């Protein structure tokens, strides 16, 4: 059995959008999601914490979000760690992921790396439906609640 530790982010941005081709505008919150190139699942960006470089969870989360999506974020709040098991090359691995709520600062999703085949900003009401894995859906529930509470 092997243990892995990763970090990532649930990145949001506020955007003003025109309502139904009218002059009225509404503010909406968009969430960053990515489709993985290998398994094609929709996920939040995350990756391994580099223990050799003594990288912190926060440093890894910011780095991975930028590498995988082209977006630079600012950490606002940690979320509860998510733990799950998977098998890679016949070895059972227990993975713990440390996610953070992040605010979008800058960047271009067209500049994502090859690990992700698609990167999109989607409205909050479409996030859970888009996500592929139970662990991502679980952390999204916590993030959504905290963002709604304004914490």
N, C-alpha and C. Protein backbone atom coordinates (compact mmCIF):
# COMPACT_ATOMS: atom_id res chain seq x y z
N UNK A 1 0.85 -1.18 0.00
CA UNK A 1 0.00 0.00 0.00
C UNK A 1 0.89 1.24 0.00
N UNK A 2 0.42 2.25 -0.73
CA UNK A 2 1.16 3.50 -0.86
C UNK A 2 0.24 4.65 -0.47
N UNK A 3 0.84 5.75 0.02
CA UNK A 3 0.08 6.95 0.37
C UNK A 3 0.49 8.10 -0.54
N UNK A 4 -0.48 8.85 -1.00
CA UNK A 4 -0.23 10.03 -1.83
C UNK A 4 -0.93 11.24 -1.22
N UNK A 5 -0.31 12.40 -1.40
CA UNK A 5 -0.88 13.64 -0.91
C UNK A 5 -0.87 14.67 -2.03
N UNK A 6 -2.05 15.21 -2.31
CA UNK A 6 -2.20 16.20 -3.37
C UNK A 6 -2.88 17.44 -2.82
N UNK A 7 -2.82 18.50 -3.62
CA UNK A 7 -3.50 19.74 -3.25
C UNK A 7 -4.06 20.37 -4.51
N UNK A 8 -5.16 21.10 -4.34
CA UNK A 8 -5.79 21.74 -5.49
C UNK A 8 -6.76 22.82 -5.06
N UNK A 9 -7.49 23.33 -6.05
CA UNK A 9 -8.35 24.45 -5.75
C UNK A 9 -9.71 24.39 -6.42
N UNK A 10 -10.66 24.98 -5.72
CA UNK A 10 -11.96 25.28 -6.29
C UNK A 10 -11.94 26.79 -6.50
N UNK A 11 -11.74 27.17 -7.75
CA UNK A 11 -11.53 28.57 -8.11
C UNK A 11 -12.83 29.17 -8.60
N UNK A 12 -13.15 30.37 -8.11
CA UNK A 12 -14.36 31.05 -8.57
C UNK A 12 -14.00 32.44 -9.07
N UNK A 13 -14.88 32.94 -9.92
CA UNK A 13 -14.78 34.35 -10.33
C UNK A 13 -16.19 34.89 -10.47
N UNK A 14 -16.29 36.18 -10.20
CA UNK A 14 -17.57 36.87 -10.36
C UNK A 14 -17.57 37.52 -11.74
N UNK A 15 -18.70 37.40 -12.41
CA UNK A 15 -18.81 37.97 -13.75
C UNK A 15 -20.17 38.63 -13.90
N UNK A 16 -20.19 39.73 -14.60
CA UNK A 16 -21.45 40.39 -14.89
C UNK A 16 -21.90 39.93 -16.27
N UNK A 17 -23.12 39.43 -16.33
CA UNK A 17 -23.64 38.90 -17.58
C UNK A 17 -24.93 39.61 -17.94
N UNK A 18 -25.14 39.75 -19.21
CA UNK A 18 -26.37 40.37 -19.70
C UNK A 18 -27.51 39.35 -19.59
N UNK A 19 -28.67 39.81 -19.14
CA UNK A 19 -29.81 38.91 -18.97
C UNK A 19 -30.70 38.93 -20.21
N UNK A 20 -30.88 37.77 -20.83
CA UNK A 20 -31.84 37.57 -21.91
C UNK A 20 -31.83 38.68 -22.97
N UNK A 21 -30.68 39.01 -23.49
CA UNK A 21 -30.52 40.02 -24.55
C UNK A 21 -31.12 41.38 -24.19
N UNK A 22 -31.23 41.67 -22.90
CA UNK A 22 -31.76 42.97 -22.48
C UNK A 22 -30.60 43.84 -22.02
N UNK A 23 -30.93 45.02 -21.56
CA UNK A 23 -29.91 45.92 -21.03
C UNK A 23 -29.61 45.63 -19.56
N UNK A 24 -30.41 44.74 -18.97
CA UNK A 24 -30.21 44.39 -17.56
C UNK A 24 -29.02 43.44 -17.42
N UNK A 25 -28.28 43.62 -16.36
CA UNK A 25 -27.13 42.78 -16.09
C UNK A 25 -27.30 42.09 -14.73
N UNK A 26 -26.75 40.91 -14.64
CA UNK A 26 -26.80 40.16 -13.38
C UNK A 26 -25.40 39.66 -13.06
N UNK A 27 -25.06 39.69 -11.79
CA UNK A 27 -23.76 39.15 -11.37
C UNK A 27 -23.93 37.66 -11.14
N UNK A 28 -22.97 36.92 -11.62
CA UNK A 28 -23.00 35.48 -11.44
C UNK A 28 -21.63 35.01 -10.99
N UNK A 29 -21.59 33.85 -10.35
CA UNK A 29 -20.33 33.25 -9.93
C UNK A 29 -20.07 32.05 -10.83
N UNK A 30 -18.86 31.99 -11.37
CA UNK A 30 -18.45 30.89 -12.22
C UNK A 30 -17.36 30.09 -11.50
N UNK A 31 -17.38 28.78 -11.72
CA UNK A 31 -16.44 27.86 -11.07
C UNK A 31 -15.59 27.19 -12.15
N UNK A 32 -14.31 27.05 -11.85
CA UNK A 32 -13.34 26.45 -12.78
C UNK A 32 -13.35 24.93 -12.65
N UNK A 33 -13.59 24.24 -13.77
CA UNK A 33 -13.53 22.78 -13.80
C UNK A 33 -12.68 22.36 -15.00
N UNK A 34 -12.13 21.15 -14.91
CA UNK A 34 -11.24 20.68 -15.98
C UNK A 34 -11.52 19.21 -16.29
N UNK A 35 -11.32 18.87 -17.55
CA UNK A 35 -11.50 17.48 -17.99
C UNK A 35 -10.13 16.85 -18.19
N UNK A 36 -9.87 15.79 -17.46
CA UNK A 36 -8.56 15.13 -17.47
C UNK A 36 -8.30 14.42 -18.79
N UNK A 37 -7.11 14.53 -19.31
CA UNK A 37 -6.75 13.95 -20.61
C UNK A 37 -6.69 12.42 -20.60
N UNK A 38 -6.38 11.82 -19.45
CA UNK A 38 -6.26 10.36 -19.41
C UNK A 38 -7.59 9.67 -19.17
N UNK A 39 -8.27 10.01 -18.09
CA UNK A 39 -9.51 9.31 -17.76
C UNK A 39 -10.76 10.06 -18.24
N UNK A 40 -10.59 11.27 -18.75
CA UNK A 40 -11.66 12.10 -19.34
C UNK A 40 -12.72 12.55 -18.34
N UNK A 41 -12.47 12.34 -17.05
CA UNK A 41 -13.40 12.80 -16.04
C UNK A 41 -13.26 14.29 -15.79
N UNK A 42 -14.37 14.91 -15.36
CA UNK A 42 -14.38 16.33 -15.00
C UNK A 42 -14.06 16.46 -13.52
N UNK A 43 -13.07 17.30 -13.21
CA UNK A 43 -12.51 17.41 -11.86
C UNK A 43 -12.19 18.86 -11.53
N UNK A 44 -11.83 19.08 -10.27
CA UNK A 44 -11.18 20.32 -9.88
C UNK A 44 -9.68 20.12 -10.05
N UNK A 45 -8.95 21.14 -10.46
CA UNK A 45 -7.51 20.97 -10.66
C UNK A 45 -6.79 20.64 -9.35
N UNK A 46 -5.88 19.66 -9.43
CA UNK A 46 -5.11 19.24 -8.26
C UNK A 46 -3.90 18.45 -8.74
N UNK A 47 -2.94 18.29 -7.84
CA UNK A 47 -1.77 17.48 -8.17
C UNK A 47 -0.94 17.19 -6.93
N UNK A 48 0.07 16.36 -7.13
CA UNK A 48 0.90 15.91 -6.03
C UNK A 48 1.67 17.05 -5.38
N UNK A 49 1.76 16.98 -4.06
CA UNK A 49 2.58 17.91 -3.29
C UNK A 49 4.02 17.41 -3.42
N UNK A 50 4.94 18.29 -3.80
CA UNK A 50 6.34 17.92 -4.00
C UNK A 50 7.07 17.92 -2.65
N UNK A 51 7.16 16.73 -2.04
CA UNK A 51 7.79 16.59 -0.73
C UNK A 51 9.30 16.84 -0.80
N UNK A 52 9.91 16.53 -1.93
CA UNK A 52 11.36 16.74 -2.08
C UNK A 52 11.73 18.21 -2.00
N UNK A 53 10.84 19.06 -2.47
CA UNK A 53 11.08 20.51 -2.42
C UNK A 53 10.49 21.14 -1.17
N UNK A 54 9.97 20.29 -0.27
CA UNK A 54 9.31 20.75 0.95
C UNK A 54 8.21 21.76 0.65
N UNK A 55 7.46 21.46 -0.41
CA UNK A 55 6.36 22.32 -0.85
C UNK A 55 5.22 22.23 0.15
N UNK A 56 4.61 23.36 0.48
CA UNK A 56 3.44 23.36 1.36
C UNK A 56 2.20 22.97 0.55
N UNK A 57 1.14 22.65 1.26
CA UNK A 57 -0.13 22.34 0.60
C UNK A 57 -0.59 23.54 -0.24
N UNK A 58 -0.45 24.73 0.34
CA UNK A 58 -0.90 25.94 -0.35
C UNK A 58 -0.08 26.19 -1.62
N UNK A 59 1.23 26.03 -1.52
CA UNK A 59 2.10 26.22 -2.69
C UNK A 59 1.75 25.23 -3.79
N UNK A 60 1.54 23.98 -3.40
CA UNK A 60 1.19 22.95 -4.39
C UNK A 60 -0.15 23.26 -5.05
N UNK A 61 -1.13 23.68 -4.25
CA UNK A 61 -2.46 23.97 -4.79
C UNK A 61 -2.39 25.11 -5.81
N UNK A 62 -1.70 26.18 -5.47
CA UNK A 62 -1.57 27.31 -6.40
C UNK A 62 -0.83 26.91 -7.67
N UNK A 63 0.26 26.15 -7.51
CA UNK A 63 1.05 25.70 -8.66
C UNK A 63 0.23 24.80 -9.59
N UNK A 64 -0.46 23.83 -8.99
CA UNK A 64 -1.24 22.88 -9.80
C UNK A 64 -2.38 23.57 -10.54
N UNK A 65 -3.08 24.48 -9.88
CA UNK A 65 -4.16 25.21 -10.54
C UNK A 65 -3.61 25.96 -11.74
N UNK A 66 -2.48 26.64 -11.56
CA UNK A 66 -1.91 27.40 -12.67
C UNK A 66 -1.42 26.49 -13.80
N UNK A 67 -0.72 25.40 -13.45
CA UNK A 67 -0.21 24.49 -14.48
C UNK A 67 -1.34 23.85 -15.28
N UNK A 68 -2.33 23.33 -14.56
CA UNK A 68 -3.37 22.55 -15.22
C UNK A 68 -4.42 23.39 -15.93
N UNK A 69 -4.62 24.64 -15.49
CA UNK A 69 -5.71 25.43 -16.06
C UNK A 69 -5.30 26.76 -16.67
N UNK A 70 -4.07 27.23 -16.40
CA UNK A 70 -3.65 28.54 -16.88
C UNK A 70 -4.14 29.69 -16.01
N UNK A 71 -4.74 29.38 -14.86
CA UNK A 71 -5.35 30.39 -14.00
C UNK A 71 -4.51 30.62 -12.75
N UNK A 72 -4.36 31.87 -12.38
CA UNK A 72 -3.69 32.23 -11.13
C UNK A 72 -4.78 32.60 -10.13
N UNK A 73 -4.73 31.94 -8.99
CA UNK A 73 -5.73 32.17 -7.96
C UNK A 73 -5.12 32.66 -6.66
N UNK A 74 -5.99 33.06 -5.76
CA UNK A 74 -5.59 33.49 -4.42
C UNK A 74 -6.37 32.64 -3.43
N UNK A 75 -5.66 31.98 -2.52
CA UNK A 75 -6.31 31.11 -1.55
C UNK A 75 -7.07 31.95 -0.53
N UNK A 76 -8.34 31.56 -0.32
CA UNK A 76 -9.17 32.23 0.66
C UNK A 76 -9.43 31.38 1.89
N UNK A 77 -9.63 30.07 1.66
CA UNK A 77 -10.03 29.22 2.79
C UNK A 77 -9.73 27.76 2.46
N UNK A 78 -9.19 27.02 3.45
CA UNK A 78 -9.01 25.57 3.24
C UNK A 78 -10.35 24.85 3.39
N UNK A 79 -10.45 23.72 2.72
CA UNK A 79 -11.62 22.85 2.83
C UNK A 79 -11.21 21.57 3.54
N UNK A 80 -12.16 20.78 3.96
CA UNK A 80 -11.85 19.51 4.61
C UNK A 80 -11.15 18.60 3.62
N UNK A 81 -10.09 17.90 4.05
CA UNK A 81 -9.40 16.98 3.14
C UNK A 81 -10.33 15.87 2.66
N UNK A 82 -10.08 15.43 1.45
CA UNK A 82 -10.84 14.34 0.85
C UNK A 82 -9.89 13.15 0.72
N UNK A 83 -10.34 11.97 1.14
CA UNK A 83 -9.52 10.77 1.05
C UNK A 83 -10.25 9.71 0.25
N UNK A 84 -9.51 9.05 -0.63
CA UNK A 84 -10.08 7.94 -1.39
C UNK A 84 -8.98 6.97 -1.77
N UNK A 85 -9.40 5.79 -2.21
CA UNK A 85 -8.48 4.73 -2.62
C UNK A 85 -8.56 4.53 -4.12
N UNK A 86 -7.44 4.17 -4.72
CA UNK A 86 -7.45 3.75 -6.12
C UNK A 86 -6.30 2.77 -6.34
N UNK A 87 -6.33 2.09 -7.46
CA UNK A 87 -5.28 1.12 -7.80
C UNK A 87 -4.54 1.61 -9.03
N UNK A 88 -3.20 1.62 -8.94
CA UNK A 88 -2.35 2.02 -10.06
C UNK A 88 -1.27 0.98 -10.22
N UNK A 89 -1.21 0.37 -11.40
CA UNK A 89 -0.24 -0.69 -11.70
C UNK A 89 -0.23 -1.76 -10.59
N UNK A 90 -1.41 -2.22 -10.26
CA UNK A 90 -1.66 -3.30 -9.29
C UNK A 90 -1.30 -2.94 -7.85
N UNK A 91 -1.05 -1.66 -7.58
CA UNK A 91 -0.75 -1.23 -6.22
C UNK A 91 -1.91 -0.39 -5.69
N UNK A 92 -2.34 -0.71 -4.46
CA UNK A 92 -3.43 0.03 -3.82
C UNK A 92 -2.85 1.32 -3.23
N UNK A 93 -3.51 2.45 -3.54
CA UNK A 93 -3.02 3.76 -3.11
C UNK A 93 -4.12 4.49 -2.35
N UNK A 94 -3.75 5.01 -1.18
CA UNK A 94 -4.66 5.85 -0.41
C UNK A 94 -4.24 7.30 -0.67
N UNK A 95 -5.15 8.06 -1.26
CA UNK A 95 -4.84 9.44 -1.64
C UNK A 95 -5.63 10.41 -0.77
N UNK A 96 -4.93 11.43 -0.27
CA UNK A 96 -5.56 12.52 0.47
C UNK A 96 -5.34 13.79 -0.33
N UNK A 97 -6.42 14.52 -0.57
CA UNK A 97 -6.35 15.76 -1.33
C UNK A 97 -6.78 16.91 -0.44
N UNK A 98 -5.95 17.94 -0.41
CA UNK A 98 -6.23 19.16 0.35
C UNK A 98 -6.67 20.23 -0.64
N UNK A 99 -7.94 20.58 -0.59
CA UNK A 99 -8.49 21.61 -1.48
C UNK A 99 -8.62 22.94 -0.75
N UNK A 100 -8.58 23.99 -1.54
CA UNK A 100 -8.75 25.35 -1.03
C UNK A 100 -9.74 26.09 -1.92
N UNK A 101 -10.57 26.92 -1.30
CA UNK A 101 -11.38 27.85 -2.08
C UNK A 101 -10.44 28.95 -2.53
N UNK A 102 -10.46 29.25 -3.82
CA UNK A 102 -9.58 30.27 -4.38
C UNK A 102 -10.39 31.28 -5.19
N UNK A 103 -9.93 32.50 -5.15
CA UNK A 103 -10.51 33.56 -5.96
C UNK A 103 -9.63 33.75 -7.20
N UNK A 104 -10.25 33.86 -8.35
CA UNK A 104 -9.54 34.10 -9.61
C UNK A 104 -8.86 35.46 -9.56
N UNK A 105 -7.57 35.50 -9.92
CA UNK A 105 -6.85 36.76 -10.03
C UNK A 105 -6.57 37.12 -11.48
N UNK A 106 -6.07 36.13 -12.24
CA UNK A 106 -5.73 36.38 -13.64
C UNK A 106 -5.50 35.05 -14.34
N UNK A 107 -5.16 35.15 -15.62
CA UNK A 107 -4.84 33.94 -16.38
C UNK A 107 -5.83 33.67 -17.48
N UNK A 108 -5.46 32.71 -18.32
CA UNK A 108 -6.21 32.36 -19.51
C UNK A 108 -6.35 30.85 -19.58
N UNK A 109 -7.59 30.35 -19.54
CA UNK A 109 -7.81 28.90 -19.56
C UNK A 109 -7.35 28.25 -20.86
N UNK A 110 -7.15 29.02 -21.90
CA UNK A 110 -6.62 28.46 -23.15
C UNK A 110 -5.16 28.03 -22.98
N UNK A 111 -4.51 28.48 -21.92
CA UNK A 111 -3.10 28.17 -21.68
C UNK A 111 -2.92 27.03 -20.69
N UNK A 112 -3.89 26.12 -20.63
CA UNK A 112 -3.77 24.96 -19.74
C UNK A 112 -2.77 23.97 -20.29
N UNK A 113 -2.26 23.09 -19.42
CA UNK A 113 -1.28 22.10 -19.88
C UNK A 113 -1.97 20.89 -20.50
N UNK A 114 -1.14 19.96 -20.97
CA UNK A 114 -1.66 18.79 -21.69
C UNK A 114 -2.36 17.78 -20.77
N UNK A 115 -2.18 17.91 -19.47
CA UNK A 115 -2.86 16.99 -18.56
C UNK A 115 -4.37 17.15 -18.60
N UNK A 116 -4.81 18.34 -18.99
CA UNK A 116 -6.24 18.60 -19.11
C UNK A 116 -6.61 18.82 -20.57
N UNK A 117 -7.64 18.12 -21.02
CA UNK A 117 -8.06 18.28 -22.42
C UNK A 117 -9.04 19.44 -22.59
N UNK A 118 -9.77 19.77 -21.53
CA UNK A 118 -10.70 20.90 -21.55
C UNK A 118 -10.68 21.58 -20.20
N UNK A 119 -10.80 22.90 -20.23
CA UNK A 119 -10.93 23.69 -19.00
C UNK A 119 -12.05 24.68 -19.25
N UNK A 120 -12.99 24.78 -18.31
CA UNK A 120 -14.15 25.65 -18.50
C UNK A 120 -14.53 26.36 -17.21
N UNK A 121 -15.12 27.53 -17.38
CA UNK A 121 -15.80 28.24 -16.30
C UNK A 121 -17.28 27.93 -16.44
N UNK A 122 -17.91 27.42 -15.38
CA UNK A 122 -19.33 27.11 -15.47
C UNK A 122 -20.08 27.71 -14.28
N UNK A 123 -21.36 28.03 -14.45
CA UNK A 123 -22.15 28.57 -13.34
C UNK A 123 -22.26 27.56 -12.20
N UNK A 124 -22.40 28.06 -10.99
CA UNK A 124 -22.43 27.19 -9.81
C UNK A 124 -23.51 26.12 -9.89
N UNK A 125 -24.64 26.43 -10.51
CA UNK A 125 -25.73 25.44 -10.55
C UNK A 125 -25.45 24.27 -11.49
N UNK A 126 -24.38 24.34 -12.28
CA UNK A 126 -24.05 23.23 -13.17
C UNK A 126 -22.84 22.42 -12.74
N UNK A 127 -22.23 22.80 -11.61
CA UNK A 127 -20.96 22.17 -11.20
C UNK A 127 -21.14 20.71 -10.82
N UNK A 128 -22.06 20.43 -9.91
CA UNK A 128 -22.19 19.05 -9.43
C UNK A 128 -22.53 18.08 -10.56
N UNK A 129 -23.39 18.52 -11.46
CA UNK A 129 -23.76 17.68 -12.60
C UNK A 129 -22.55 17.40 -13.51
N UNK A 130 -21.66 18.37 -13.64
CA UNK A 130 -20.50 18.22 -14.53
C UNK A 130 -19.42 17.32 -13.92
N UNK A 131 -19.24 17.39 -12.60
CA UNK A 131 -18.19 16.62 -11.95
C UNK A 131 -18.42 15.12 -12.09
N UNK A 132 -17.33 14.38 -12.28
CA UNK A 132 -17.41 12.94 -12.51
C UNK A 132 -17.34 12.13 -11.22
N UNK A 133 -16.49 12.53 -10.29
CA UNK A 133 -16.17 11.68 -9.16
C UNK A 133 -16.83 12.12 -7.85
N UNK A 134 -17.17 11.12 -7.02
CA UNK A 134 -17.83 11.33 -5.74
C UNK A 134 -17.01 12.26 -4.84
N UNK A 135 -15.68 12.10 -4.80
CA UNK A 135 -14.84 12.93 -3.92
C UNK A 135 -14.93 14.41 -4.31
N UNK A 136 -14.95 14.70 -5.62
CA UNK A 136 -15.07 16.08 -6.07
C UNK A 136 -16.45 16.65 -5.72
N UNK A 137 -17.48 15.83 -5.88
CA UNK A 137 -18.83 16.28 -5.54
C UNK A 137 -18.95 16.57 -4.05
N UNK A 138 -18.28 15.77 -3.23
CA UNK A 138 -18.32 15.96 -1.78
C UNK A 138 -17.65 17.29 -1.40
N UNK A 139 -16.47 17.55 -1.92
CA UNK A 139 -15.78 18.79 -1.57
C UNK A 139 -16.52 20.00 -2.15
N UNK A 140 -17.19 19.81 -3.28
CA UNK A 140 -17.98 20.91 -3.87
C UNK A 140 -19.12 21.30 -2.93
N UNK A 141 -19.76 20.32 -2.29
CA UNK A 141 -20.86 20.63 -1.37
C UNK A 141 -20.38 21.54 -0.24
N UNK A 142 -19.21 21.24 0.31
CA UNK A 142 -18.66 22.07 1.38
C UNK A 142 -18.31 23.47 0.85
N UNK A 143 -17.65 23.52 -0.29
CA UNK A 143 -17.25 24.82 -0.87
C UNK A 143 -18.48 25.68 -1.18
N UNK A 144 -19.49 25.06 -1.75
CA UNK A 144 -20.72 25.79 -2.11
C UNK A 144 -21.38 26.36 -0.86
N UNK A 145 -21.43 25.58 0.19
CA UNK A 145 -22.03 26.05 1.45
C UNK A 145 -21.23 27.22 2.03
N UNK A 146 -19.91 27.11 2.04
CA UNK A 146 -19.07 28.18 2.59
C UNK A 146 -19.15 29.45 1.74
N UNK A 147 -19.21 29.30 0.43
CA UNK A 147 -19.31 30.47 -0.45
C UNK A 147 -20.68 31.14 -0.27
N UNK A 148 -21.72 30.35 -0.08
CA UNK A 148 -23.07 30.92 0.11
C UNK A 148 -23.15 31.65 1.45
N UNK A 149 -22.43 31.14 2.45
CA UNK A 149 -22.42 31.77 3.76
C UNK A 149 -21.53 33.01 3.80
N UNK A 150 -20.77 33.22 2.72
CA UNK A 150 -19.88 34.38 2.65
C UNK A 150 -18.65 34.24 3.51
N UNK A 151 -18.28 33.00 3.83
CA UNK A 151 -17.12 32.76 4.70
C UNK A 151 -15.85 32.66 3.88
